[in-house]
Amino acid sequence: MKKLICFLVVAVLLVVLALYSIATGSIKVGFGELVSGLLFGGNDNVEVIRDMRLPRIIVAMLSGAALAVSGVLLQAVMRNPLADAGVIGISAGAGFVSVFVATVWPVLIFWMPLFSVLGGLFACFLVYAFTWKQGLRPLHLILVGVAINAMFSGLNQLFNYRGSYAVTQVNQAVSSIFTMKTWNDVDIMMTYGLIGLVAALFLGTWCNLLALQDRTAGNLGLNVLRARLVISFVAVLLASVATAIGGLIAFVGLLVPHIARQLVGTNHWLLIPFSALLGSLLILLADTVGRTIIAPIEIPASVIMMIIGGPFLIFMLLRGERLYAN
């Protein structure tokens, strides 16, 4: 009963926040006027909201869901509550490869989501490769991931100074301000993001089994290596597409799964969909606060998430070192 209530409360809060975010900004309309304009047209203010504000809200929600579920999957694969696409460098790798391709081959900028996925996969490969000899110990995974994240972030900044038009366009795309998102961005997120989210829903059993020792999971019929590879690929797909369209936002995959486990438990059949809802709520809240708190100046959602996530990461590192680093 408690879990059902948690689902309902988060879903209702998400709907209420979405409606508030739609109606709040430089252009304000009433709820009745908004519904009438969306259904029947003829209202210039509602047309602006539909073309400018609605895509931003949808991209924010889908990005939050994708990053949160990516964090759940990575934590299941690594058996580590500190794993997150932003912390271990997957998001930074995705962003860097996008910038690199736009710099070297500007004509390929429209294939940015594909190259983001390749960059995320490469960053994930590096994390695994450098920790393989240490037996993929949780603390080593996090430390190596932080180093990979710093490396790709530095390379990303290096390419930023080239100042080309293509790089400028990519920087706008991978920044965490959702301004100027279009329905084309929504289409990409709806296509690739929903594919990843739906795929993740079918991985609940594998994620539950990976919580066991590898030998025990194997005795229960799970091909552990294949499960890790498939789950990692889906996690990287979600994080990379969210980075390509929604921007570089850290800590979502760290905060949301931890909070979700406290509310609905560790069964991934419930944890994955609940984390998607909670991630959508968190990022939409961060974006709405960022664009309204000191309007017309906007605070990037990533800044708000870093303010929240930094202290939370320190807490989790201290707790993780005591409980998970053996």
C-alpha atoms as a PDB file:
ATOM      1  CA  MET A   1       0.000   0.000   0.000  1.00  0.00           C
ATOM      2  CA  LYS A   2       2.822   2.391   0.885  1.00  0.00           C
ATOM      3  CA  LYS A   3       4.491   1.786  -2.483  1.00  0.00           C
ATOM      4  CA  LEU A   4       1.270   2.464  -4.386  1.00  0.00           C
ATOM      5  CA  ILE A   5       0.795   5.701  -2.452  1.00  0.00           C
ATOM      6  CA  CYS A   6       4.365   6.749  -3.310  1.00  0.00           C
ATOM      7  CA  PHE A   7       3.712   6.129  -7.016  1.00  0.00           C
ATOM      8  CA  LEU A   8       0.469   8.106  -6.919  1.00  0.00           C
ATOM      9  CA  VAL A   9       1.951  11.020  -4.970  1.00  0.00           C
ATOM     10  CA  VAL A  10       4.946  11.397  -7.297  1.00  0.00           C
ATOM     11  CA  ALA A  11       2.735  11.077 -10.400  1.00  0.00           C
ATOM     12  CA  VAL A  12       0.319  13.739  -9.112  1.00  0.00           C
ATOM     13  CA  LEU A  13       3.189  16.064  -8.157  1.00  0.00           C
ATOM     14  CA  LEU A  14       4.681  15.631 -11.631  1.00  0.00           C
ATOM     15  CA  VAL A  15       1.392  16.534 -13.331  1.00  0.00           C
ATOM     16  CA  VAL A  16       0.845  19.549 -11.055  1.00  0.00           C
ATOM     17  CA  LEU A  17       4.411  20.787 -11.567  1.00  0.00           C
ATOM     18  CA  ALA A  18       4.147  20.339 -15.341  1.00  0.00           C
ATOM     19  CA  LEU A  19       0.947  22.392 -15.432  1.00  0.00           C
ATOM     20  CA  TYR A  20       2.499  25.057 -13.215  1.00  0.00           C
ATOM     21  CA  SER A  21       5.615  25.163 -15.381  1.00  0.00           C
ATOM     22  CA  ILE A  22       3.526  25.524 -18.539  1.00  0.00           C
ATOM     23  CA  ALA A  23       1.569  28.438 -17.110  1.00  0.00           C
ATOM     24  CA  THR A  24       4.515  30.218 -15.449  1.00  0.00           C
ATOM     25  CA  GLY A  25       7.027  32.433 -17.215  1.00  0.00           C
ATOM     26  CA  SER A  26       7.271  35.685 -19.127  1.00  0.00           C
ATOM     27  CA  ILE A  27       3.962  34.798 -20.785  1.00  0.00           C
ATOM     28  CA  LYS A  28       1.231  33.910 -18.313  1.00  0.00           C
ATOM     29  CA  VAL A  29      -2.092  32.338 -19.228  1.00  0.00           C
ATOM     30  CA  GLY A  30      -4.930  30.844 -17.255  1.00  0.00           C
ATOM     31  CA  PHE A  31      -5.578  27.116 -17.247  1.00  0.00           C
ATOM     32  CA  GLY A  32      -8.832  27.428 -19.205  1.00  0.00           C
ATOM     33  CA  GLU A  33      -7.225  29.730 -21.744  1.00  0.00           C
ATOM     34  CA  LEU A  34      -4.306  27.324 -22.088  1.00  0.00           C
ATOM     35  CA  VAL A  35      -6.502  24.275 -22.699  1.00  0.00           C
ATOM     36  CA  SER A  36      -8.695  26.164 -25.162  1.00  0.00           C
ATOM     37  CA  GLY A  37      -5.677  27.476 -27.069  1.00  0.00           C
ATOM     38  CA  LEU A  38      -4.025  24.061 -27.266  1.00  0.00           C
ATOM     39  CA  LEU A  39      -7.202  22.359 -28.468  1.00  0.00           C
ATOM     40  CA  PHE A  40      -8.647  24.974 -30.799  1.00  0.00           C
ATOM     41  CA  GLY A  41      -5.816  27.433 -31.527  1.00  0.00           C
ATOM     42  CA  GLY A  42      -6.336  31.121 -32.219  1.00  0.00           C
ATOM     43  CA  ASN A  43      -4.388  32.341 -29.169  1.00  0.00           C
ATOM     44  CA  ASP A  44      -0.979  33.846 -29.898  1.00  0.00           C
ATOM     45  CA  ASN A  45       0.259  33.478 -26.320  1.00  0.00           C
ATOM     46  CA  VAL A  46      -0.664  29.802 -26.236  1.00  0.00           C
ATOM     47  CA  GLU A  47       1.014  29.288 -29.616  1.00  0.00           C
ATOM     48  CA  VAL A  48       4.264  30.673 -28.172  1.00  0.00           C
ATOM     49  CA  ILE A  49       3.924  28.436 -25.117  1.00  0.00           C
ATOM     50  CA  ARG A  50       3.282  25.398 -27.309  1.00  0.00           C
ATOM     51  CA  ASP A  51       6.302  26.033 -29.526  1.00  0.00           C
ATOM     52  CA  MET A  52       8.757  27.295 -26.885  1.00  0.00           C
ATOM     53  CA  ARG A  53       7.773  26.087 -23.436  1.00  0.00           C
ATOM     54  CA  LEU A  54       6.164  22.693 -24.012  1.00  0.00           C
ATOM     55  CA  PRO A  55       9.202  21.153 -25.784  1.00  0.00           C
ATOM     56  CA  ARG A  56      11.419  22.395 -22.961  1.00  0.00           C
ATOM     57  CA  ILE A  57       9.198  20.800 -20.324  1.00  0.00           C
ATOM     58  CA  ILE A  58       8.927  17.484 -22.156  1.00  0.00           C
ATOM     59  CA  VAL A  59      12.692  17.306 -22.776  1.00  0.00           C
ATOM     60  CA  ALA A  60      13.367  18.096 -19.103  1.00  0.00           C
ATOM     61  CA  MET A  61      11.049  15.316 -17.936  1.00  0.00           C
ATOM     62  CA  LEU A  62      12.376  12.718 -20.378  1.00  0.00           C
ATOM     63  CA  SER A  63      15.985  13.662 -19.583  1.00  0.00           C
ATOM     64  CA  GLY A  64      15.331  13.284 -15.868  1.00  0.00           C
ATOM     65  CA  ALA A  65      13.695   9.892 -16.376  1.00  0.00           C
ATOM     66  CA  ALA A  66      16.528   8.678 -18.615  1.00  0.00           C
ATOM     67  CA  LEU A  67      19.303   9.805 -16.262  1.00  0.00           C
ATOM     68  CA  ALA A  68      17.575   8.367 -13.191  1.00  0.00           C
ATOM     69  CA  VAL A  69      16.972   4.965 -14.793  1.00  0.00           C
ATOM     70  CA  SER A  70      20.518   4.979 -16.150  1.00  0.00           C
ATOM     71  CA  GLY A  71      21.751   5.422 -12.586  1.00  0.00           C
ATOM     72  CA  VAL A  72      19.605   2.527 -11.355  1.00  0.00           C
ATOM     73  CA  LEU A  73      20.984   0.227 -14.064  1.00  0.00           C
ATOM     74  CA  LEU A  74      24.619   1.226 -13.525  1.00  0.00           C
ATOM     75  CA  GLN A  75      24.289   0.706  -9.793  1.00  0.00           C
ATOM     76  CA  ALA A  76      22.837  -2.746 -10.396  1.00  0.00           C
ATOM     77  CA  VAL A  77      25.680  -3.681 -12.759  1.00  0.00           C
ATOM     78  CA  MET A  78      28.421  -2.351 -10.480  1.00  0.00           C
ATOM     79  CA  ARG A  79      26.685  -3.333  -7.217  1.00  0.00           C
ATOM     80  CA  ASN A  80      27.547   0.166  -6.102  1.00  0.00           C
ATOM     81  CA  PRO A  81      25.125   2.864  -4.890  1.00  0.00           C
ATOM     82  CA  LEU A  82      27.647   5.540  -5.907  1.00  0.00           C
ATOM     83  CA  ALA A  83      27.528   4.750  -9.631  1.00  0.00           C
ATOM     84  CA  ASP A  84      26.049   7.465 -11.840  1.00  0.00           C
ATOM     85  CA  ALA A  85      26.539   8.387 -15.494  1.00  0.00           C
ATOM     86  CA  GLY A  86      27.634  11.896 -14.521  1.00  0.00           C
ATOM     87  CA  VAL A  87      29.995  10.839 -11.752  1.00  0.00           C
ATOM     88  CA  ILE A  88      31.829   8.070 -13.641  1.00  0.00           C
ATOM     89  CA  GLY A  89      32.294  10.023 -16.862  1.00  0.00           C
ATOM     90  CA  ILE A  90      29.702   8.559 -19.239  1.00  0.00           C
ATOM     91  CA  SER A  91      27.886  11.871 -19.688  1.00  0.00           C
ATOM     92  CA  ALA A  92      31.156  13.759 -20.093  1.00  0.00           C
ATOM     93  CA  GLY A  93      32.357  11.212 -22.657  1.00  0.00           C
ATOM     94  CA  ALA A  94      29.107  11.561 -24.589  1.00  0.00           C
ATOM     95  CA  GLY A  95      29.387  15.339 -24.583  1.00  0.00           C
ATOM     96  CA  PHE A  96      33.037  15.347 -25.621  1.00  0.00           C
ATOM     97  CA  VAL A  97      32.550  13.047 -28.599  1.00  0.00           C
ATOM     98  CA  SER A  98      29.664  15.237 -29.780  1.00  0.00           C
ATOM     99  CA  VAL A  99      31.860  18.332 -29.618  1.00  0.00           C
ATOM    100  CA  PHE A 100      34.793  16.527 -31.250  1.00  0.00           C
ATOM    101  CA  VAL A 101      32.705  15.308 -34.188  1.00  0.00           C
ATOM    102  CA  ALA A 102      31.118  18.729 -34.656  1.00  0.00           C
ATOM    103  CA  THR A 103      34.595  20.272 -34.741  1.00  0.00           C
ATOM    104  CA  VAL A 104      36.199  17.823 -37.146  1.00  0.00           C
ATOM    105  CA  TRP A 105      33.147  16.934 -39.285  1.00  0.00           C
ATOM    106  CA  PRO A 106      30.583  19.750 -38.910  1.00  0.00           C
ATOM    107  CA  VAL A 107      28.299  18.207 -41.537  1.00  0.00           C
ATOM    108  CA  LEU A 108      27.619  15.318 -39.150  1.00  0.00           C
ATOM    109  CA  ILE A 109      26.174  17.506 -36.402  1.00  0.00           C
ATOM    110  CA  PHE A 110      22.679  16.085 -36.996  1.00  0.00           C
ATOM    111  CA  TRP A 111      23.999  12.642 -36.026  1.00  0.00           C
ATOM    112  CA  MET A 112      24.991  13.962 -32.615  1.00  0.00           C
ATOM    113  CA  PRO A 113      22.808  11.525 -30.588  1.00  0.00           C
ATOM    114  CA  LEU A 114      24.536   8.562 -32.246  1.00  0.00           C
ATOM    115  CA  PHE A 115      28.002   9.932 -31.519  1.00  0.00           C
ATOM    116  CA  SER A 116      26.937  10.736 -27.965  1.00  0.00           C
ATOM    117  CA  VAL A 117      26.059   7.077 -27.446  1.00  0.00           C
ATOM    118  CA  LEU A 118      29.428   6.029 -28.881  1.00  0.00           C
ATOM    119  CA  GLY A 119      31.185   8.476 -26.568  1.00  0.00           C
ATOM    120  CA  GLY A 120      29.284   7.174 -23.566  1.00  0.00           C
ATOM    121  CA  LEU A 121      30.136   3.590 -24.478  1.00  0.00           C
ATOM    122  CA  PHE A 122      33.813   4.511 -24.831  1.00  0.00           C
ATOM    123  CA  ALA A 123      33.855   6.198 -21.416  1.00  0.00           C
ATOM    124  CA  CYS A 124      32.130   3.182 -19.854  1.00  0.00           C
ATOM    125  CA  PHE A 125      34.676   0.878 -21.504  1.00  0.00           C
ATOM    126  CA  LEU A 126      37.555   2.907 -20.054  1.00  0.00           C
ATOM    127  CA  VAL A 127      36.087   2.705 -16.541  1.00  0.00           C
ATOM    128  CA  TYR A 128      35.763  -1.073 -16.768  1.00  0.00           C
ATOM    129  CA  ALA A 129      39.157  -1.520 -18.436  1.00  0.00           C
ATOM    130  CA  PHE A 130      41.100   0.412 -15.803  1.00  0.00           C
ATOM    131  CA  THR A 131      39.424  -1.387 -12.892  1.00  0.00           C
ATOM    132  CA  TRP A 132      39.309  -4.915 -14.326  1.00  0.00           C
ATOM    133  CA  LYS A 133      42.557  -6.077 -12.681  1.00  0.00           C
ATOM    134  CA  GLN A 134      41.353  -4.821  -9.302  1.00  0.00           C
ATOM    135  CA  GLY A 135      38.263  -6.993  -9.616  1.00  0.00           C
ATOM    136  CA  LEU A 136      35.857  -4.101 -10.310  1.00  0.00           C
ATOM    137  CA  ARG A 137      35.930  -3.060  -6.671  1.00  0.00           C
ATOM    138  CA  PRO A 138      33.281  -0.406  -5.976  1.00  0.00           C
ATOM    139  CA  LEU A 139      35.609   2.273  -4.635  1.00  0.00           C
ATOM    140  CA  HIS A 140      38.036   1.799  -7.544  1.00  0.00           C
ATOM    141  CA  LEU A 141      35.191   2.096 -10.046  1.00  0.00           C
ATOM    142  CA  ILE A 142      34.136   5.418  -8.575  1.00  0.00           C
ATOM    143  CA  LEU A 143      37.656   6.848  -8.345  1.00  0.00           C
ATOM    144  CA  VAL A 144      38.534   5.818 -11.894  1.00  0.00           C
ATOM    145  CA  GLY A 145      35.166   7.137 -13.080  1.00  0.00           C
ATOM    146  CA  VAL A 146      35.813  10.519 -11.461  1.00  0.00           C
ATOM    147  CA  ALA A 147      39.186  10.652 -13.231  1.00  0.00           C
ATOM    148  CA  ILE A 148      37.589   9.734 -16.584  1.00  0.00           C
ATOM    149  CA  ASN A 149      34.952  12.386 -15.994  1.00  0.00           C
ATOM    150  CA  ALA A 150      37.624  15.025 -15.297  1.00  0.00           C
ATOM    151  CA  MET A 151      39.582  14.031 -18.414  1.00  0.00           C
ATOM    152  CA  PHE A 152      36.611  14.263 -20.778  1.00  0.00           C
ATOM    153  CA  SER A 153      35.381  17.467 -19.146  1.00  0.00           C
ATOM    154  CA  GLY A 154      38.805  19.043 -19.685  1.00  0.00           C
ATOM    155  CA  LEU A 155      38.926  17.913 -23.314  1.00  0.00           C
ATOM    156  CA  ASN A 156      35.437  19.279 -23.803  1.00  0.00           C
ATOM    157  CA  GLN A 157      36.505  22.678 -22.498  1.00  0.00           C
ATOM    158  CA  LEU A 158      39.585  22.578 -24.736  1.00  0.00           C
ATOM    159  CA  PHE A 159      37.450  22.181 -27.839  1.00  0.00           C
ATOM    160  CA  ASN A 160      35.123  24.915 -26.643  1.00  0.00           C
ATOM    161  CA  TYR A 161      37.883  27.470 -27.134  1.00  0.00           C
ATOM    162  CA  ARG A 162      37.978  26.755 -30.849  1.00  0.00           C
ATOM    163  CA  GLY A 163      34.854  28.863 -31.085  1.00  0.00           C
ATOM    164  CA  SER A 164      33.494  27.406 -34.323  1.00  0.00           C
ATOM    165  CA  TYR A 165      29.818  27.732 -35.149  1.00  0.00           C
ATOM    166  CA  ALA A 166      29.296  23.973 -35.016  1.00  0.00           C
ATOM    167  CA  VAL A 167      30.854  23.731 -31.569  1.00  0.00           C
ATOM    168  CA  THR A 168      28.714  26.645 -30.428  1.00  0.00           C
ATOM    169  CA  GLN A 169      25.630  24.791 -31.589  1.00  0.00           C
ATOM    170  CA  VAL A 170      26.728  21.625 -29.788  1.00  0.00           C
ATOM    171  CA  ASN A 171      27.504  23.566 -26.624  1.00  0.00           C
ATOM    172  CA  GLN A 172      23.969  24.921 -26.683  1.00  0.00           C
ATOM    173  CA  ALA A 173      22.698  21.380 -27.101  1.00  0.00           C
ATOM    174  CA  VAL A 174      24.747  19.816 -24.317  1.00  0.00           C
ATOM    175  CA  SER A 175      24.352  22.695 -21.873  1.00  0.00           C
ATOM    176  CA  SER A 176      21.912  22.107 -19.060  1.00  0.00           C
ATOM    177  CA  ILE A 177      19.720  25.099 -19.877  1.00  0.00           C
ATOM    178  CA  PHE A 178      16.692  23.742 -21.709  1.00  0.00           C
ATOM    179  CA  THR A 179      16.055  27.018 -23.520  1.00  0.00           C
ATOM    180  CA  MET A 180      15.290  26.843 -27.239  1.00  0.00           C
ATOM    181  CA  LYS A 181      14.456  23.149 -27.251  1.00  0.00           C
ATOM    182  CA  THR A 182      12.245  22.277 -30.202  1.00  0.00           C
ATOM    183  CA  TRP A 183       9.797  19.580 -31.157  1.00  0.00           C
ATOM    184  CA  ASN A 184      12.633  17.934 -33.115  1.00  0.00           C
ATOM    185  CA  ASP A 185      14.468  17.486 -29.805  1.00  0.00           C
ATOM    186  CA  VAL A 186      11.304  16.022 -28.340  1.00  0.00           C
ATOM    187  CA  ASP A 187      11.066  13.578 -31.251  1.00  0.00           C
ATOM    188  CA  ILE A 188      14.636  12.364 -30.648  1.00  0.00           C
ATOM    189  CA  MET A 189      14.063  11.964 -26.918  1.00  0.00           C
ATOM    190  CA  MET A 190      10.736  10.235 -27.502  1.00  0.00           C
ATOM    191  CA  THR A 191      12.337   7.830 -29.969  1.00  0.00           C
ATOM    192  CA  TYR A 192      15.630   6.855 -28.349  1.00  0.00           C
ATOM    193  CA  GLY A 193      14.771   7.736 -24.760  1.00  0.00           C
ATOM    194  CA  LEU A 194      11.560   5.730 -24.725  1.00  0.00           C
ATOM    195  CA  ILE A 195      13.306   2.780 -26.390  1.00  0.00           C
ATOM    196  CA  GLY A 196      15.840   2.783 -23.549  1.00  0.00           C
ATOM    197  CA  LEU A 197      13.195   3.246 -20.861  1.00  0.00           C
ATOM    198  CA  VAL A 198      11.007   0.445 -22.197  1.00  0.00           C
ATOM    199  CA  ALA A 199      14.042  -1.837 -22.531  1.00  0.00           C
ATOM    200  CA  ALA A 200      14.992  -1.036 -18.930  1.00  0.00           C
ATOM    201  CA  LEU A 201      11.564  -2.134 -17.711  1.00  0.00           C
ATOM    202  CA  PHE A 202      12.273  -5.653 -19.010  1.00  0.00           C
ATOM    203  CA  LEU A 203      15.644  -5.845 -17.238  1.00  0.00           C
ATOM    204  CA  GLY A 204      14.234  -5.904 -13.722  1.00  0.00           C
ATOM    205  CA  THR A 205      14.811  -9.620 -13.194  1.00  0.00           C
ATOM    206  CA  TRP A 206      18.420  -9.447 -14.353  1.00  0.00           C
ATOM    207  CA  CYS A 207      19.072  -6.436 -12.120  1.00  0.00           C
ATOM    208  CA  ASN A 208      17.613  -8.295  -9.138  1.00  0.00           C
ATOM    209  CA  LEU A 209      19.796 -11.334  -9.813  1.00  0.00           C
ATOM    210  CA  LEU A 210      22.926  -9.216 -10.191  1.00  0.00           C
ATOM    211  CA  ALA A 211      22.506  -8.198  -6.557  1.00  0.00           C
ATOM    212  CA  LEU A 212      23.546 -11.764  -5.722  1.00  0.00           C
ATOM    213  CA  GLN A 213      27.042 -13.164  -6.010  1.00  0.00           C
ATOM    214  CA  ASP A 214      28.024 -13.984  -9.595  1.00  0.00           C
ATOM    215  CA  ARG A 215      28.220 -17.720  -8.884  1.00  0.00           C
ATOM    216  CA  THR A 216      24.788 -17.731  -7.255  1.00  0.00           C
ATOM    217  CA  ALA A 217      23.267 -15.757 -10.129  1.00  0.00           C
ATOM    218  CA  GLY A 218      24.875 -18.142 -12.614  1.00  0.00           C
ATOM    219  CA  ASN A 219      23.469 -21.153 -10.780  1.00  0.00           C
ATOM    220  CA  LEU A 220      20.031 -19.578 -11.116  1.00  0.00           C
ATOM    221  CA  GLY A 221      20.438 -19.543 -14.904  1.00  0.00           C
ATOM    222  CA  LEU A 222      21.697 -15.993 -15.489  1.00  0.00           C
ATOM    223  CA  ASN A 223      24.496 -15.384 -17.975  1.00  0.00           C
ATOM    224  CA  VAL A 224      26.180 -12.767 -15.790  1.00  0.00           C
ATOM    225  CA  LEU A 225      28.527 -11.340 -18.422  1.00  0.00           C
ATOM    226  CA  ARG A 226      25.794 -10.985 -21.025  1.00  0.00           C
ATOM    227  CA  ALA A 227      23.459  -9.411 -18.469  1.00  0.00           C
ATOM    228  CA  ARG A 228      26.084  -6.860 -17.441  1.00  0.00           C
ATOM    229  CA  LEU A 229      26.830  -5.947 -21.067  1.00  0.00           C
ATOM    230  CA  VAL A 230      23.169  -5.562 -22.043  1.00  0.00           C
ATOM    231  CA  ILE A 231      22.248  -3.555 -18.943  1.00  0.00           C
ATOM    232  CA  SER A 232      25.335  -1.358 -19.352  1.00  0.00           C
ATOM    233  CA  PHE A 233      24.442  -0.684 -22.990  1.00  0.00           C
ATOM    234  CA  VAL A 234      20.894   0.390 -22.092  1.00  0.00           C
ATOM    235  CA  ALA A 235      22.232   2.587 -19.282  1.00  0.00           C
ATOM    236  CA  VAL A 236      24.741   4.250 -21.598  1.00  0.00           C
ATOM    237  CA  LEU A 237      22.068   4.739 -24.285  1.00  0.00           C
ATOM    238  CA  LEU A 238      19.800   6.516 -21.812  1.00  0.00           C
ATOM    239  CA  ALA A 239      22.540   8.696 -20.334  1.00  0.00           C
ATOM    240  CA  SER A 240      24.043   9.584 -23.721  1.00  0.00           C
ATOM    241  CA  VAL A 241      20.763  10.576 -25.373  1.00  0.00           C
ATOM    242  CA  ALA A 242      19.815  12.610 -22.302  1.00  0.00           C
ATOM    243  CA  THR A 243      23.196  14.360 -22.511  1.00  0.00           C
ATOM    244  CA  ALA A 244      22.927  15.003 -26.248  1.00  0.00           C
ATOM    245  CA  ILE A 245      19.467  16.560 -25.989  1.00  0.00           C
ATOM    246  CA  GLY A 246      18.963  17.558 -22.362  1.00  0.00           C
ATOM    247  CA  GLY A 247      22.510  18.535 -21.434  1.00  0.00           C
ATOM    248  CA  LEU A 248      25.217  17.617 -18.949  1.00  0.00           C
ATOM    249  CA  ILE A 249      23.468  17.169 -15.606  1.00  0.00           C
ATOM    250  CA  ALA A 250      25.240  15.282 -12.845  1.00  0.00           C
ATOM    251  CA  PHE A 251      23.951  13.553  -9.717  1.00  0.00           C
ATOM    252  CA  VAL A 252      20.457  12.690 -11.004  1.00  0.00           C
ATOM    253  CA  GLY A 253      21.345   9.003 -11.245  1.00  0.00           C
ATOM    254  CA  LEU A 254      22.869   9.223  -7.774  1.00  0.00           C
ATOM    255  CA  LEU A 255      20.127  10.995  -5.828  1.00  0.00           C
ATOM    256  CA  VAL A 256      17.027   9.510  -7.395  1.00  0.00           C
ATOM    257  CA  PRO A 257      17.779   5.759  -6.996  1.00  0.00           C
ATOM    258  CA  HIS A 258      18.836   6.263  -3.378  1.00  0.00           C
ATOM    259  CA  ILE A 259      15.623   8.127  -2.533  1.00  0.00           C
ATOM    260  CA  ALA A 260      13.550   5.633  -4.539  1.00  0.00           C
ATOM    261  CA  ARG A 261      14.967   2.669  -2.607  1.00  0.00           C
ATOM    262  CA  GLN A 262      13.890   4.278   0.645  1.00  0.00           C
ATOM    263  CA  LEU A 263      10.345   4.643  -0.686  1.00  0.00           C
ATOM    264  CA  VAL A 264       9.636   1.523  -2.781  1.00  0.00           C
ATOM    265  CA  GLY A 265      12.404  -0.921  -1.866  1.00  0.00           C
ATOM    266  CA  THR A 266      15.079  -2.655  -3.922  1.00  0.00           C
ATOM    267  CA  ASN A 267      12.925  -4.719  -6.295  1.00  0.00           C
ATOM    268  CA  HIS A 268      13.898  -3.347  -9.706  1.00  0.00           C
ATOM    269  CA  TRP A 269      10.482  -4.105 -11.179  1.00  0.00           C
ATOM    270  CA  LEU A 270       9.223  -1.257  -9.002  1.00  0.00           C
ATOM    271  CA  LEU A 271      12.456   0.692  -8.607  1.00  0.00           C
ATOM    272  CA  ILE A 272      12.963   1.365 -12.330  1.00  0.00           C
ATOM    273  CA  PRO A 273       9.541   2.898 -13.150  1.00  0.00           C
ATOM    274  CA  PHE A 274       9.423   4.802  -9.859  1.00  0.00           C
ATOM    275  CA  SER A 275      12.906   6.232 -10.489  1.00  0.00           C
ATOM    276  CA  ALA A 276      11.759   7.360 -13.957  1.00  0.00           C
ATOM    277  CA  LEU A 277       8.861   9.286 -12.413  1.00  0.00           C
ATOM    278  CA  LEU A 278      10.987  10.734  -9.624  1.00  0.00           C
ATOM    279  CA  GLY A 279      13.786  11.718 -12.033  1.00  0.00           C
ATOM    280  CA  SER A 280      11.289  13.526 -14.257  1.00  0.00           C
ATOM    281  CA  LEU A 281       9.942  15.381 -11.234  1.00  0.00           C
ATOM    282  CA  LEU A 282      13.402  16.354  -9.972  1.00  0.00           C
ATOM    283  CA  ILE A 283      14.752  17.750 -13.256  1.00  0.00           C
ATOM    284  CA  LEU A 284      11.525  19.559 -14.122  1.00  0.00           C
ATOM    285  CA  LEU A 285      11.593  21.103 -10.647  1.00  0.00           C
ATOM    286  CA  ALA A 286      15.241  22.146 -11.070  1.00  0.00           C
ATOM    287  CA  ASP A 287      14.530  23.677 -14.490  1.00  0.00           C
ATOM    288  CA  THR A 288      11.373  25.455 -13.334  1.00  0.00           C
ATOM    289  CA  VAL A 289      13.121  26.904 -10.275  1.00  0.00           C
ATOM    290  CA  GLY A 290      16.123  27.878 -12.394  1.00  0.00           C
ATOM    291  CA  ARG A 291      14.090  29.861 -14.903  1.00  0.00           C
ATOM    292  CA  THR A 292      11.690  31.538 -12.458  1.00  0.00           C
ATOM    293  CA  ILE A 293      13.550  32.233  -9.219  1.00  0.00           C
ATOM    294  CA  ILE A 294      15.467  35.264 -10.535  1.00  0.00           C
ATOM    295  CA  ALA A 295      13.727  35.740 -13.893  1.00  0.00           C
ATOM    296  CA  PRO A 296      14.564  36.850 -16.538  1.00  0.00           C
ATOM    297  CA  ILE A 297      18.018  35.449 -15.645  1.00  0.00           C
ATOM    298  CA  GLU A 298      18.104  31.661 -15.845  1.00  0.00           C
ATOM    299  CA  ILE A 299      20.090  29.334 -13.598  1.00  0.00           C
ATOM    300  CA  PRO A 300      21.096  26.081 -15.365  1.00  0.00           C
ATOM    301  CA  ALA A 301      19.497  22.952 -13.991  1.00  0.00           C
ATOM    302  CA  SER A 302      22.974  21.448 -13.615  1.00  0.00           C
ATOM    303  CA  VAL A 303      23.972  24.220 -11.190  1.00  0.00           C
ATOM    304  CA  ILE A 304      20.996  23.479  -8.978  1.00  0.00           C
ATOM    305  CA  MET A 305      21.744  19.754  -9.158  1.00  0.00           C
ATOM    306  CA  MET A 306      25.399  20.317  -8.219  1.00  0.00           C
ATOM    307  CA  ILE A 307      24.374  22.395  -5.212  1.00  0.00           C
ATOM    308  CA  ILE A 308      22.131  19.541  -4.088  1.00  0.00           C
ATOM    309  CA  GLY A 309      24.229  16.620  -5.319  1.00  0.00           C
ATOM    310  CA  GLY A 310      27.681  17.657  -4.100  1.00  0.00           C
ATOM    311  CA  PRO A 311      26.951  17.288  -0.379  1.00  0.00           C
ATOM    312  CA  PHE A 312      24.885  14.185  -1.126  1.00  0.00           C
ATOM    313  CA  LEU A 313      27.833  12.567  -2.940  1.00  0.00           C
ATOM    314  CA  ILE A 314      30.110  13.245   0.042  1.00  0.00           C
ATOM    315  CA  PHE A 315      27.555  11.592   2.322  1.00  0.00           C
ATOM    316  CA  MET A 316      27.259   8.585   0.016  1.00  0.00           C
ATOM    317  CA  LEU A 317      31.047   8.247  -0.334  1.00  0.00           C
ATOM    318  CA  LEU A 318      31.469   8.187   3.427  1.00  0.00           C
ATOM    319  CA  ARG A 319      28.650   5.711   3.817  1.00  0.00           C
ATOM    320  CA  GLY A 320      29.799   3.653   0.830  1.00  0.00           C
ATOM    321  CA  GLU A 321      33.381   3.433   2.050  1.00  0.00           C
ATOM    322  CA  ARG A 322      32.090   1.873   5.268  1.00  0.00           C
ATOM    323  CA  LEU A 323      29.510  -0.491   3.746  1.00  0.00           C
ATOM    324  CA  TYR A 324      30.481  -1.326   0.148  1.00  0.00           C
ATOM    325  CA  ALA A 325      34.218  -1.046  -0.301  1.00  0.00           C
ATOM    326  CA  ASN A 326      35.188  -4.471   0.994  1.00  0.00           C
END
